[in-house]
């Protein structure tokens, strides 16, 4: 006998489903009732009809099928049953529609910039006829332009999707002289890649003097330099006064030289034995000091931890922010997209960048490049990234198993940096084989300024609870070097328990994506029953910051939408405090289907991609006809 939807809800009231959050019974519903309510309300608010864009969205952004457990027929466990393999990693089957596909033919920059002469002439592929361009341009999104209202001028002119707000009848761009003067000379975003530096990097004409000084001291470095066609290593001048009192510390360097095949002394003139203190370590007074103690640290989040999102978190009280993980080889090649990850907003008072690499030469040169060309407060080494692309080449978590290379990387980066060097690690590679407690005492000797420990192994990814008991043990081993704990922080109560372990500070990652106001909750020691309207205002701020960062033309609008949808794939997991049977919500509990206290709250609770698109349309207008989206980060944290 089949059960009705009402009977199903009653059944859920009596039996608590394992892994699901406990929501008050009057708000529980079924999947069919939930989607039926959300769809009918949306159509009613749009005049009872579905427009073309809604139809396109419905057909192109269907919910992906649930991944089936892969069963290998030949593999069985000791009871003779087949073992299933868990699906891990990112959603690799997602469509990759380029942002440029939404704008068939753009307006030429020469027309936007006061009709100056186009340098490409007849060969230019962009529009020069304003009337022809406006005939194909999508309709404006709104009546007011955030860039014009904030800065007094919109640099996108007629290409702006809010162009009516600052365009005259004869297609000229208006300016607010007072606002323009107020922002004159102000640089809101730093660390952009200059064209001259990009050309120098691509021609490999950038000099890495300090890096070469350090790399020339490494064993076997001479042979590698000859293979790559590099010149003679520079000579370091080391005085007798520097080495006379350090003769007893030279054993490590001598052992390294004896272990090298050529057994040649390094090309360095010395009086007395050469020590690591002579070559590698800078004097303490030369290092910039950063106070990491008792701070709230927004984790470097790939894809979602972009500059507009960090600005949102800064408003809610994040103390330390860090750019997304950047590949050192891409930075050294001058890739614009990779350098964009280093950009810093003026509101980020303590800001660092995170780099990933697996070889001492590239990491040391990258550190010197960052040190000489960007404004940062610290540089972080990512040795906790679990993805195969990074791990299999020896980076990320792979560094934890390559301690010799790890030491050389840290020593080299410390040698060329004027700012503190920090490291982010996991408990280990295998689930039941922790190695962090062995690495941390070594990293103290290598001169790391701060360590962040994620309480899971690479094998666990984000499944199971973080091991805070182990973080406590490692925190004691790390002292006096600050150690930040990371994992499963979603409320101020979680943060209080974490602080009791003795960590120097707390790093928050997924908790900030689910509820960016968590920093306010922790600092004010309260649960914030935030309304759906306030949450929409947060998304509105993000969209404005996105238009400022990526642009207010079609490309900028769709890029902002894309990143907003990635964020909504996490934000939809939040359950309002007023609906919970017990507070607080746990990060590993799956939200059941429930009705919110109003329509917007229900819409924000939807796990369906199409409903996230609807939320984006409230702020950024209708999606293009060929729009397609699937989230990059498919959650498997509930499994």
Foldseek 3Di string as FASTA:
>chain_A
DDDDFVVVLVVCVVDPDPQFFFFDSVWFGAPVVLVVVLVCVVCVVVVNDDDLLLVLLCVFFFDDDDDDFDWDVVDDDPVRHTDTDDDDDWDVPADDDALCVLPVAAADLCVLVVNDDDPCPPPDRHDPDPVVRVVPADAAQDQAALCCVQQQFASCQPLFSNNNNAADPVRDGGGDVVSNVVCPPPDFKWQADDPVNLVCLQVVNDDPQLLLLLLLLAAPSVVVCVVVVHDDGDEDDDDCVVCVVPQVQQPVSQVRLVPHPVSDHGRYDDDHGDHLCRRFADDPVLADDDDLFAFEEADADPLQLAALLVVLLVVLPHQEYEFHEAELVCVSNSPNVRSNSHMDGPSHPAYEYEYKDAAQSSLLSSLLVCQPRTDHQEYEYAQQDLDCVRCVVQIRVSCLVVVVRVLSNLRSSNRNHNHAYEYEHEQHADFPDGDLLVVLLVVVVSRHQEYEYEQGHSVCPQADFRDLVVVLVSCVSNPPRAYEYETFDQALVVVVVSVVSVHRYYYYYLNCLQPSSRSNCNVVVHADQDDLVVVLVSLLSSQSVQCVVQHSGSSSLVSSLQSQLLSLLSNLQDDGPVGGPDDDDTPLRGHRQTHDPDSSNSLSNDNRSSSSQVSSCVRRNRDRSNDHDDHGHDDPHND
